[in-house]
Each structure stands twice: as C-alpha cells, then as structure tokens.
C-alpha cells in the first residue's frame, strides 16, 4: 500500500508523516485489505486566530474495482483533522465491505 502526504500552506514534518502512516495502515488493516493507495492532502485554512476548524485533511483511498473513497476532516489541530478523516474513511470502507459481502 502506498501512502502519499501533501500539504498546502504548511510544512510536512517527520512526525506528521509517521502519524499518517501508522494511522492509515491501522485503519486499512482493520477494514479493507484491497486498498492500493492512500493520498492525504493537508491544508491550513485558518481565517481567524481562534477559528475552531483551522486545519483540513482530505483523504483519498483507492480501492481497485470500486469507486475512490473521498473523506474530509476539519479541526483546530492537523492531527485531529487527520484522525477524523481516517475514522470517516474507515466507516465508508466498512460500509463498502459489508455491501459486497451481503450481495
């Protein structure tokens, strides 16, 4: 599985890179074995100093033979935004898996 991290208006540190890799591999290991690529787009969109949704994480999960799963998470902290988006991706992958098993 390939994990790609890109950022706009912020710098990708080794800590963010390792956080994304561990969370993404854990999430995919739980739900989807057929995932080939995970793309994470980070953006700092703080309009004001006390903006509660200053960081945004968009995650694109490629599943072969199915549609690409797109999820988004917003939070004050980029780590929380990544976590929210990965939880949403996990729910969506589980839903796709249960639909395929049910049919």
PDB file of N, CA and C in Angstrom:
ATOM      1  N   UNK A   1       0.852  -1.163   0.000  1.00  0.00           N
ATOM      2  CA  UNK A   1       0.000   0.000   0.000  1.00  0.00           C
ATOM      3  C   UNK A   1       0.903   1.233   0.000  1.00  0.00           C
ATOM      4  N   UNK A   2       0.535   2.175  -0.851  1.00  0.00           N
ATOM      5  CA  UNK A   2       1.277   3.416  -0.986  1.00  0.00           C
ATOM      6  C   UNK A   2       0.577   4.519  -0.205  1.00  0.00           C
ATOM      7  N   UNK A   3       1.343   5.301   0.553  1.00  0.00           N
ATOM      8  CA  UNK A   3       0.781   6.420   1.309  1.00  0.00           C
ATOM      9  C   UNK A   3       1.494   7.690   0.860  1.00  0.00           C
ATOM     10  N   UNK A   4       0.708   8.650   0.388  1.00  0.00           N
ATOM     11  CA  UNK A   4       1.242   9.914  -0.102  1.00  0.00           C
ATOM     12  C   UNK A   4       0.673  11.048   0.737  1.00  0.00           C
ATOM     13  N   UNK A   5       1.538  11.932   1.229  1.00  0.00           N
ATOM     14  CA  UNK A   5       1.106  13.063   2.050  1.00  0.00           C
ATOM     15  C   UNK A   5       1.544  14.348   1.360  1.00  0.00           C
ATOM     16  N   UNK A   6       0.591  15.241   1.132  1.00  0.00           N
ATOM     17  CA  UNK A   6       0.868  16.539   0.532  1.00  0.00           C
ATOM     18  C   UNK A   6       0.247  17.611   1.408  1.00  0.00           C
ATOM     19  N   UNK A   7       0.831  18.818   1.361  1.00  0.00           N
ATOM     20  CA  UNK A   7       0.319  19.900   2.203  1.00  0.00           C
ATOM     21  C   UNK A   7       0.322  21.221   1.449  1.00  0.00           C
ATOM     22  N   UNK A   8      -0.623  22.069   1.851  1.00  0.00           N
ATOM     23  CA  UNK A   8      -0.730  23.417   1.300  1.00  0.00           C
ATOM     24  C   UNK A   8      -0.735  24.374   2.494  1.00  0.00           C
ATOM     25  N   UNK A   9       0.069  25.394   2.429  1.00  0.00           N
ATOM     26  CA  UNK A   9       0.184  26.408   3.485  1.00  0.00           C
ATOM     27  C   UNK A   9       0.746  25.855   4.796  1.00  0.00           C
ATOM     28  N   UNK A  10       1.424  24.742   4.757  1.00  0.00           N
ATOM     29  CA  UNK A  10       2.065  24.205   5.953  1.00  0.00           C
ATOM     30  C   UNK A  10       3.179  23.249   5.529  1.00  0.00           C
ATOM     31  N   UNK A  11       4.042  22.927   6.464  1.00  0.00           N
ATOM     32  CA  UNK A  11       5.171  22.048   6.191  1.00  0.00           C
ATOM     33  C   UNK A  11       4.885  20.655   6.739  1.00  0.00           C
ATOM     34  N   UNK A  12       5.240  19.639   5.973  1.00  0.00           N
ATOM     35  CA  UNK A  12       5.063  18.254   6.423  1.00  0.00           C
ATOM     36  C   UNK A  12       6.307  17.855   7.215  1.00  0.00           C
ATOM     37  N   UNK A  13       6.107  17.592   8.476  1.00  0.00           N
ATOM     38  CA  UNK A  13       7.219  17.165   9.321  1.00  0.00           C
ATOM     39  C   UNK A  13       7.284  15.640   9.346  1.00  0.00           C
ATOM     40  N   UNK A  14       8.369  15.129   9.881  1.00  0.00           N
ATOM     41  CA  UNK A  14       8.506  13.674  10.010  1.00  0.00           C
ATOM     42  C   UNK A  14       7.450  13.124  10.954  1.00  0.00           C
ATOM     43  N   UNK A  15       7.082  13.909  11.960  1.00  0.00           N
ATOM     44  CA  UNK A  15       6.064  13.469  12.916  1.00  0.00           C
ATOM     45  C   UNK A  15       4.705  13.318  12.231  1.00  0.00           C
ATOM     46  N   UNK A  16       4.335  14.281  11.407  1.00  0.00           N
ATOM     47  CA  UNK A  16       3.057  14.182  10.677  1.00  0.00           C
ATOM     48  C   UNK A  16       3.094  13.004   9.727  1.00  0.00           C
ATOM     49  N   UNK A  17       4.216  12.836   9.012  1.00  0.00           N
ATOM     50  CA  UNK A  17       4.351  11.730   8.058  1.00  0.00           C
ATOM     51  C   UNK A  17       4.208  10.381   8.763  1.00  0.00           C
ATOM     52  N   UNK A  18       4.891  10.198   9.885  1.00  0.00           N
ATOM     53  CA  UNK A  18       4.815   8.916  10.594  1.00  0.00           C
ATOM     54  C   UNK A  18       3.432   8.709  11.206  1.00  0.00           C
ATOM     55  N   UNK A  19       2.798   9.795  11.694  1.00  0.00           N
ATOM     56  CA  UNK A  19       1.448   9.703  12.246  1.00  0.00           C
ATOM     57  C   UNK A  19       0.471   9.223  11.180  1.00  0.00           C
ATOM     58  N   UNK A  20       0.548   9.803  10.002  1.00  0.00           N
ATOM     59  CA  UNK A  20      -0.345   9.415   8.896  1.00  0.00           C
ATOM     60  C   UNK A  20      -0.102   7.961   8.507  1.00  0.00           C
ATOM     61  N   UNK A  21       1.154   7.563   8.409  1.00  0.00           N
ATOM     62  CA  UNK A  21       1.466   6.187   8.008  1.00  0.00           C
ATOM     63  C   UNK A  21       0.935   5.168   9.014  1.00  0.00           C
ATOM     64  N   UNK A  22       1.143   5.403  10.304  1.00  0.00           N
ATOM     65  CA  UNK A  22       0.686   4.428  11.302  1.00  0.00           C
ATOM     66  C   UNK A  22      -0.837   4.378  11.362  1.00  0.00           C
ATOM     67  N   UNK A  23      -1.496   5.546  11.367  1.00  0.00           N
ATOM     68  CA  UNK A  23      -2.958   5.571  11.446  1.00  0.00           C
ATOM     69  C   UNK A  23      -3.587   4.955  10.198  1.00  0.00           C
ATOM     70  N   UNK A  24      -3.045   5.278   9.030  1.00  0.00           N
ATOM     71  CA  UNK A  24      -3.615   4.769   7.780  1.00  0.00           C
ATOM     72  C   UNK A  24      -3.438   3.254   7.669  1.00  0.00           C
ATOM     73  N   UNK A  25      -2.268   2.740   8.019  1.00  0.00           N
ATOM     74  CA  UNK A  25      -2.064   1.288   7.936  1.00  0.00           C
ATOM     75  C   UNK A  25      -2.950   0.558   8.937  1.00  0.00           C
ATOM     76  N   UNK A  26      -3.138   1.130  10.130  1.00  0.00           N
ATOM     77  CA  UNK A  26      -4.006   0.517  11.131  1.00  0.00           C
ATOM     78  C   UNK A  26      -5.459   0.501  10.655  1.00  0.00           C
ATOM     79  N   UNK A  27      -5.896   1.604  10.088  1.00  0.00           N
ATOM     80  CA  UNK A  27      -7.269   1.715   9.608  1.00  0.00           C
ATOM     81  C   UNK A  27      -7.528   0.736   8.475  1.00  0.00           C
ATOM     82  N   UNK A  28      -6.617   0.681   7.531  1.00  0.00           N
ATOM     83  CA  UNK A  28      -6.789  -0.209   6.377  1.00  0.00           C
ATOM     84  C   UNK A  28      -6.691  -1.669   6.805  1.00  0.00           C
ATOM     85  N   UNK A  29      -5.827  -1.976   7.758  1.00  0.00           N
ATOM     86  CA  UNK A  29      -5.703  -3.353   8.236  1.00  0.00           C
ATOM     87  C   UNK A  29      -6.996  -3.824   8.885  1.00  0.00           C
ATOM     88  N   UNK A  30      -7.719  -2.916   9.547  1.00  0.00           N
ATOM     89  CA  UNK A  30      -8.975  -3.286  10.190  1.00  0.00           C
ATOM     90  C   UNK A  30     -10.056  -3.615   9.171  1.00  0.00           C
ATOM     91  N   UNK A  31     -10.145  -2.813   8.114  1.00  0.00           N
ATOM     92  CA  UNK A  31     -11.317  -2.887   7.242  1.00  0.00           C
ATOM     93  C   UNK A  31     -11.018  -3.395   5.845  1.00  0.00           C
ATOM     94  N   UNK A  32     -10.148  -2.709   5.129  1.00  0.00           N
ATOM     95  CA  UNK A  32     -10.008  -3.022   3.711  1.00  0.00           C
ATOM     96  C   UNK A  32      -8.661  -3.581   3.346  1.00  0.00           C
ATOM     97  N   UNK A  33      -8.654  -4.797   2.900  1.00  0.00           N
ATOM     98  CA  UNK A  33      -7.398  -5.417   2.504  1.00  0.00           C
ATOM     99  C   UNK A  33      -7.032  -5.067   1.062  1.00  0.00           C
ATOM    100  N   UNK A  34      -7.984  -4.630   0.276  1.00  0.00           N
ATOM    101  CA  UNK A  34      -7.727  -4.366  -1.134  1.00  0.00           C
ATOM    102  C   UNK A  34      -7.303  -2.948  -1.443  1.00  0.00           C
ATOM    103  N   UNK A  35      -6.977  -2.162  -0.450  1.00  0.00           N
ATOM    104  CA  UNK A  35      -6.607  -0.768  -0.684  1.00  0.00           C
ATOM    105  C   UNK A  35      -5.193  -0.721  -1.263  1.00  0.00           C
ATOM    106  N   UNK A  36      -5.031   0.025  -2.361  1.00  0.00           N
ATOM    107  CA  UNK A  36      -3.724   0.123  -3.002  1.00  0.00           C
ATOM    108  C   UNK A  36      -3.013   1.424  -2.687  1.00  0.00           C
ATOM    109  N   UNK A  37      -3.776   2.525  -2.526  1.00  0.00           N
ATOM    110  CA  UNK A  37      -3.148   3.823  -2.334  1.00  0.00           C
ATOM    111  C   UNK A  37      -3.983   4.700  -1.418  1.00  0.00           C
ATOM    112  N   UNK A  38      -3.312   5.454  -0.560  1.00  0.00           N
ATOM    113  CA  UNK A  38      -3.961   6.429   0.312  1.00  0.00           C
ATOM    114  C   UNK A  38      -3.257   7.763   0.090  1.00  0.00           C
ATOM    115  N   UNK A  39      -4.021   8.769  -0.319  1.00  0.00           N
ATOM    116  CA  UNK A  39      -3.476  10.111  -0.524  1.00  0.00           C
ATOM    117  C   UNK A  39      -4.066  11.032   0.537  1.00  0.00           C
ATOM    118  N   UNK A  40      -3.208  11.769   1.224  1.00  0.00           N
ATOM    119  CA  UNK A  40      -3.641  12.684   2.274  1.00  0.00           C
ATOM    120  C   UNK A  40      -3.232  14.100   1.865  1.00  0.00           C
ATOM    121  N   UNK A  41      -4.228  14.982   1.795  1.00  0.00           N
ATOM    122  CA  UNK A  41      -3.987  16.384   1.472  1.00  0.00           C
ATOM    123  C   UNK A  41      -4.278  17.212   2.723  1.00  0.00           C
ATOM    124  N   UNK A  42      -3.280  17.918   3.215  1.00  0.00           N
ATOM    125  CA  UNK A  42      -3.433  18.752   4.407  1.00  0.00           C
ATOM    126  C   UNK A  42      -3.442  20.215   4.000  1.00  0.00           C
ATOM    127  N   UNK A  43      -4.275  20.992   4.684  1.00  0.00           N
ATOM    128  CA  UNK A  43      -4.347  22.409   4.374  1.00  0.00           C
ATOM    129  C   UNK A  43      -4.623  23.185   5.647  1.00  0.00           C
ATOM    130  N   UNK A  44      -3.955  24.299   5.795  1.00  0.00           N
ATOM    131  CA  UNK A  44      -4.173  25.181   6.930  1.00  0.00           C
ATOM    132  C   UNK A  44      -5.056  26.324   6.441  1.00  0.00           C
ATOM    133  N   UNK A  45      -6.314  26.360   6.870  1.00  0.00           N
ATOM    134  CA  UNK A  45      -7.283  27.326   6.354  1.00  0.00           C
ATOM    135  C   UNK A  45      -7.785  28.273   7.439  1.00  0.00           C
ATOM    136  N   UNK A  46      -6.939  28.583   8.400  1.00  0.00           N
ATOM    137  CA  UNK A  46      -7.369  29.449   9.497  1.00  0.00           C
ATOM    138  C   UNK A  46      -7.618  30.860   8.974  1.00  0.00           C
ATOM    139  N   UNK A  47      -8.845  31.309   9.146  1.00  0.00           N
ATOM    140  CA  UNK A  47      -9.199  32.659   8.730  1.00  0.00           C
ATOM    141  C   UNK A  47      -8.975  33.641   9.875  1.00  0.00           C
ATOM    142  N   UNK A  48      -9.206  33.150  11.069  1.00  0.00           N
ATOM    143  CA  UNK A  48      -9.002  33.950  12.269  1.00  0.00           C
ATOM    144  C   UNK A  48      -8.115  33.170  13.220  1.00  0.00           C
ATOM    145  N   UNK A  49      -7.616  33.844  14.226  1.00  0.00           N
ATOM    146  CA  UNK A  49      -6.715  33.190  15.170  1.00  0.00           C
ATOM    147  C   UNK A  49      -7.425  32.116  15.993  1.00  0.00           C
ATOM    148  N   UNK A  50      -8.698  32.327  16.322  1.00  0.00           N
ATOM    149  CA  UNK A  50      -9.435  31.376  17.152  1.00  0.00           C
ATOM    150  C   UNK A  50     -10.420  30.544  16.337  1.00  0.00           C
ATOM    151  N   UNK A  51     -10.131  30.335  15.072  1.00  0.00           N
ATOM    152  CA  UNK A  51     -11.007  29.546  14.202  1.00  0.00           C
ATOM    153  C   UNK A  51     -11.012  28.087  14.668  1.00  0.00           C
ATOM    154  N   UNK A  52     -12.183  27.518  14.987  1.00  0.00           N
ATOM    155  CA  UNK A  52     -12.221  26.143  15.501  1.00  0.00           C
ATOM    156  C   UNK A  52     -11.918  25.095  14.435  1.00  0.00           C
ATOM    157  N   UNK A  53     -11.979  25.450  13.189  1.00  0.00           N
ATOM    158  CA  UNK A  53     -11.685  24.496  12.115  1.00  0.00           C
ATOM    159  C   UNK A  53     -10.563  25.063  11.254  1.00  0.00           C
ATOM    160  N   UNK A  54      -9.391  25.219  11.850  1.00  0.00           N
ATOM    161  CA  UNK A  54      -8.270  25.841  11.162  1.00  0.00           C
ATOM    162  C   UNK A  54      -7.504  24.901  10.261  1.00  0.00           C
ATOM    163  N   UNK A  55      -7.568  23.603  10.499  1.00  0.00           N
ATOM    164  CA  UNK A  55      -6.844  22.627   9.675  1.00  0.00           C
ATOM    165  C   UNK A  55      -7.848  21.707   8.987  1.00  0.00           C
ATOM    166  N   UNK A  56      -7.530  21.374   7.741  1.00  0.00           N
ATOM    167  CA  UNK A  56      -8.410  20.493   6.973  1.00  0.00           C
ATOM    168  C   UNK A  56      -7.573  19.359   6.396  1.00  0.00           C
ATOM    169  N   UNK A  57      -8.094  18.148   6.482  1.00  0.00           N
ATOM    170  CA  UNK A  57      -7.434  16.975   5.912  1.00  0.00           C
ATOM    171  C   UNK A  57      -8.406  16.287   4.964  1.00  0.00           C
ATOM    172  N   UNK A  58      -8.002  16.145   3.715  1.00  0.00           N
ATOM    173  CA  UNK A  58      -8.786  15.399   2.732  1.00  0.00           C
ATOM    174  C   UNK A  58      -8.034  14.107   2.443  1.00  0.00           C
ATOM    175  N   UNK A  59      -8.757  13.011   2.488  1.00  0.00           N
ATOM    176  CA  UNK A  59      -8.125  11.713   2.270  1.00  0.00           C
ATOM    177  C   UNK A  59      -8.817  11.010   1.119  1.00  0.00           C
ATOM    178  N   UNK A  60      -8.016  10.507   0.208  1.00  0.00           N
ATOM    179  CA  UNK A  60      -8.497   9.785  -0.967  1.00  0.00           C
ATOM    180  C   UNK A  60      -7.968   8.356  -0.866  1.00  0.00           C
ATOM    181  N   UNK A  61      -8.875   7.393  -0.796  1.00  0.00           N
ATOM    182  CA  UNK A  61      -8.496   5.987  -0.644  1.00  0.00           C
ATOM    183  C   UNK A  61      -8.875   5.258  -1.924  1.00  0.00           C
ATOM    184  N   UNK A  62      -7.869   4.676  -2.585  1.00  0.00           N
ATOM    185  CA  UNK A  62      -8.100   3.955  -3.831  1.00  0.00           C
ATOM    186  C   UNK A  62      -8.332   2.478  -3.549  1.00  0.00           C
ATOM    187  N   UNK A  63      -9.504   2.003  -3.959  1.00  0.00           N
ATOM    188  CA  UNK A  63      -9.854   0.598  -3.830  1.00  0.00           C
ATOM    189  C   UNK A  63     -10.054   0.069  -5.246  1.00  0.00           C
ATOM    190  N   UNK A  64      -9.262  -0.904  -5.686  1.00  0.00           N
ATOM    191  CA  UNK A  64      -9.405  -1.391  -7.061  1.00  0.00           C
ATOM    192  C   UNK A  64     -10.753  -2.060  -7.297  1.00  0.00           C
ATOM    193  N   UNK A  65     -11.338  -1.743  -8.435  1.00  0.00           N
ATOM    194  CA  UNK A  65     -12.630  -2.328  -8.784  1.00  0.00           C
ATOM    195  C   UNK A  65     -13.805  -1.590  -8.192  1.00  0.00           C
ATOM    196  N   UNK A  66     -13.574  -0.569  -7.430  1.00  0.00           N
ATOM    197  CA  UNK A  66     -14.631   0.216  -6.790  1.00  0.00           C
ATOM    198  C   UNK A  66     -14.345   1.697  -7.012  1.00  0.00           C
ATOM    199  N   UNK A  67     -15.260   2.517  -6.559  1.00  0.00           N
ATOM    200  CA  UNK A  67     -15.047   3.955  -6.639  1.00  0.00           C
ATOM    201  C   UNK A  67     -13.982   4.384  -5.636  1.00  0.00           C
ATOM    202  N   UNK A  68     -13.363   5.505  -5.907  1.00  0.00           N
ATOM    203  CA  UNK A  68     -12.400   6.074  -4.969  1.00  0.00           C
ATOM    204  C   UNK A  68     -13.155   6.689  -3.800  1.00  0.00           C
ATOM    205  N   UNK A  69     -12.722   6.387  -2.593  1.00  0.00           N
ATOM    206  CA  UNK A  69     -13.368   6.892  -1.389  1.00  0.00           C
ATOM    207  C   UNK A  69     -12.722   8.228  -1.029  1.00  0.00           C
ATOM    208  N   UNK A  70     -13.527   9.285  -0.966  1.00  0.00           N
ATOM    209  CA  UNK A  70     -13.057  10.614  -0.589  1.00  0.00           C
ATOM    210  C   UNK A  70     -13.695  11.019   0.732  1.00  0.00           C
ATOM    211  N   UNK A  71     -12.873  11.393   1.713  1.00  0.00           N
ATOM    212  CA  UNK A  71     -13.382  11.836   3.009  1.00  0.00           C
ATOM    213  C   UNK A  71     -12.626  13.086   3.433  1.00  0.00           C
ATOM    214  N   UNK A  72     -13.249  13.841   4.340  1.00  0.00           N
ATOM    215  CA  UNK A  72     -12.654  15.088   4.797  1.00  0.00           C
ATOM    216  C   UNK A  72     -12.840  15.239   6.297  1.00  0.00           C
ATOM    217  N   UNK A  73     -11.841  15.812   6.945  1.00  0.00           N
ATOM    218  CA  UNK A  73     -11.917  16.089   8.372  1.00  0.00           C
ATOM    219  C   UNK A  73     -11.405  17.481   8.658  1.00  0.00           C
ATOM    220  N   UNK A  74     -12.111  18.191   9.533  1.00  0.00           N
ATOM    221  CA  UNK A  74     -11.707  19.546   9.904  1.00  0.00           C
ATOM    222  C   UNK A  74     -11.565  19.631  11.416  1.00  0.00           C
ATOM    223  N   UNK A  75     -10.542  20.352  11.858  1.00  0.00           N
ATOM    224  CA  UNK A  75     -10.324  20.545  13.280  1.00  0.00           C
ATOM    225  C   UNK A  75      -9.332  21.685  13.485  1.00  0.00           C
ATOM    226  N   UNK A  76      -9.114  22.046  14.734  1.00  0.00           N
ATOM    227  CA  UNK A  76      -8.151  23.084  15.057  1.00  0.00           C
ATOM    228  C   UNK A  76      -6.734  22.565  14.853  1.00  0.00           C
ATOM    229  N   UNK A  77      -6.508  21.311  15.156  1.00  0.00           N
ATOM    230  CA  UNK A  77      -5.195  20.679  15.084  1.00  0.00           C
ATOM    231  C   UNK A  77      -5.117  19.774  13.856  1.00  0.00           C
ATOM    232  N   UNK A  78      -4.030  19.786  13.079  1.00  0.00           N
ATOM    233  CA  UNK A  78      -3.943  18.908  11.908  1.00  0.00           C
ATOM    234  C   UNK A  78      -3.998  17.426  12.263  1.00  0.00           C
ATOM    235  N   UNK A  79      -3.468  17.047  13.420  1.00  0.00           N
ATOM    236  CA  UNK A  79      -3.507  15.643  13.836  1.00  0.00           C
ATOM    237  C   UNK A  79      -4.947  15.186  14.071  1.00  0.00           C
ATOM    238  N   UNK A  80      -5.751  16.040  14.695  1.00  0.00           N
ATOM    239  CA  UNK A  80      -7.156  15.699  14.917  1.00  0.00           C
ATOM    240  C   UNK A  80      -7.925  15.663  13.606  1.00  0.00           C
ATOM    241  N   UNK A  81      -7.595  16.550  12.676  1.00  0.00           N
ATOM    242  CA  UNK A  81      -8.246  16.551  11.374  1.00  0.00           C
ATOM    243  C   UNK A  81      -7.944  15.253  10.622  1.00  0.00           C
ATOM    244  N   UNK A  82      -6.700  14.805  10.711  1.00  0.00           N
ATOM    245  CA  UNK A  82      -6.322  13.537  10.070  1.00  0.00           C
ATOM    246  C   UNK A  82      -7.076  12.381  10.710  1.00  0.00           C
ATOM    247  N   UNK A  83      -7.160  12.365  12.036  1.00  0.00           N
ATOM    248  CA  UNK A  83      -7.870  11.293  12.746  1.00  0.00           C
ATOM    249  C   UNK A  83      -9.345  11.256  12.379  1.00  0.00           C
ATOM    250  N   UNK A  84      -9.980  12.431  12.322  1.00  0.00           N
ATOM    251  CA  UNK A  84     -11.401  12.488  11.955  1.00  0.00           C
ATOM    252  C   UNK A  84     -11.618  11.966  10.542  1.00  0.00           C
ATOM    253  N   UNK A  85     -10.758  12.371   9.624  1.00  0.00           N
ATOM    254  CA  UNK A  85     -10.912  11.926   8.242  1.00  0.00           C
ATOM    255  C   UNK A  85     -10.684  10.419   8.111  1.00  0.00           C
ATOM    256  N   UNK A  86      -9.711   9.890   8.837  1.00  0.00           N
ATOM    257  CA  UNK A  86      -9.459   8.448   8.769  1.00  0.00           C
ATOM    258  C   UNK A  86     -10.595   7.643   9.391  1.00  0.00           C
ATOM    259  N   UNK A  87     -11.216   8.163  10.447  1.00  0.00           N
ATOM    260  CA  UNK A  87     -12.382   7.474  11.019  1.00  0.00           C
ATOM    261  C   UNK A  87     -13.529   7.452  10.019  1.00  0.00           C
ATOM    262  N   UNK A  88     -13.727   8.563   9.322  1.00  0.00           N
ATOM    263  CA  UNK A  88     -14.780   8.612   8.305  1.00  0.00           C
ATOM    264  C   UNK A  88     -14.460   7.651   7.168  1.00  0.00           C
ATOM    265  N   UNK A  89     -13.194   7.573   6.787  1.00  0.00           N
ATOM    266  CA  UNK A  89     -12.787   6.630   5.749  1.00  0.00           C
ATOM    267  C   UNK A  89     -12.979   5.189   6.179  1.00  0.00           C
ATOM    268  N   UNK A  90     -12.703   4.907   7.450  1.00  0.00           N
ATOM    269  CA  UNK A  90     -12.906   3.553   7.984  1.00  0.00           C
ATOM    270  C   UNK A  90     -14.381   3.170   7.921  1.00  0.00           C
ATOM    271  N   UNK A  91     -15.258   4.100   8.314  1.00  0.00           N
ATOM    272  CA  UNK A  91     -16.697   3.820   8.246  1.00  0.00           C
ATOM    273  C   UNK A  91     -17.133   3.554   6.811  1.00  0.00           C
ATOM    274  N   UNK A  92     -16.644   4.361   5.886  1.00  0.00           N
ATOM    275  CA  UNK A  92     -17.038   4.201   4.486  1.00  0.00           C
ATOM    276  C   UNK A  92     -16.510   2.891   3.908  1.00  0.00           C
ATOM    277  N   UNK A  93     -15.266   2.523   4.245  1.00  0.00           N
ATOM    278  CA  UNK A  93     -14.708   1.256   3.768  1.00  0.00           C
ATOM    279  C   UNK A  93     -15.472   0.067   4.352  1.00  0.00           C
ATOM    280  N   UNK A  94     -15.850   0.157   5.626  1.00  0.00           N
ATOM    281  CA  UNK A  94     -16.617  -0.916   6.247  1.00  0.00           C
ATOM    282  C   UNK A  94     -17.963  -1.067   5.551  1.00  0.00           C
ATOM    283  N   UNK A  95     -18.592   0.052   5.207  1.00  0.00           N
ATOM    284  CA  UNK A  95     -19.877   0.010   4.523  1.00  0.00           C
ATOM    285  C   UNK A  95     -19.744  -0.643   3.151  1.00  0.00           C
ATOM    286  N   UNK A  96     -18.692  -0.324   2.419  1.00  0.00           N
ATOM    287  CA  UNK A  96     -18.464  -0.936   1.120  1.00  0.00           C
ATOM    288  C   UNK A  96     -18.229  -2.429   1.271  1.00  0.00           C
ATOM    289  N   UNK A  97     -17.444  -2.819   2.276  1.00  0.00           N
ATOM    290  CA  UNK A  97     -17.148  -4.237   2.507  1.00  0.00           C
ATOM    291  C   UNK A  97     -18.399  -5.012   2.873  1.00  0.00           C
ATOM    292  N   UNK A  98     -19.240  -4.440   3.757  1.00  0.00           N
ATOM    293  CA  UNK A  98     -20.458  -5.138   4.169  1.00  0.00           C
ATOM    294  C   UNK A  98     -21.453  -5.250   3.005  1.00  0.00           C
ATOM    295  N   UNK A  99     -21.500  -4.260   2.134  1.00  0.00           N
ATOM    296  CA  UNK A  99     -22.378  -4.346   0.966  1.00  0.00           C
ATOM    297  C   UNK A  99     -21.927  -5.478   0.041  1.00  0.00           C
ATOM    298  N   UNK A 100     -20.633  -5.594  -0.164  1.00  0.00           N
ATOM    299  CA  UNK A 100     -20.135  -6.621  -1.081  1.00  0.00           C
ATOM    300  C   UNK A 100     -20.340  -8.025  -0.504  1.00  0.00           C
ATOM    301  N   UNK A 101     -20.224  -8.172   0.824  1.00  0.00           N
ATOM    302  CA  UNK A 101     -20.426  -9.467   1.456  1.00  0.00           C
ATOM    303  C   UNK A 101     -21.929  -9.833   1.449  1.00  0.00           C
ATOM    304  N   UNK A 102     -22.761  -8.831   1.658  1.00  0.00           N
ATOM    305  CA  UNK A 102     -24.206  -9.063   1.727  1.00  0.00           C
ATOM    306  C   UNK A 102     -24.815  -9.474   0.391  1.00  0.00           C
ATOM    307  N   UNK A 103     -24.205  -9.044  -0.695  1.00  0.00           N
ATOM    308  CA  UNK A 103     -24.767  -9.375  -2.012  1.00  0.00           C
ATOM    309  C   UNK A 103     -24.139 -10.616  -2.457  1.00  0.00           C
TER     310      UNK A 103
END
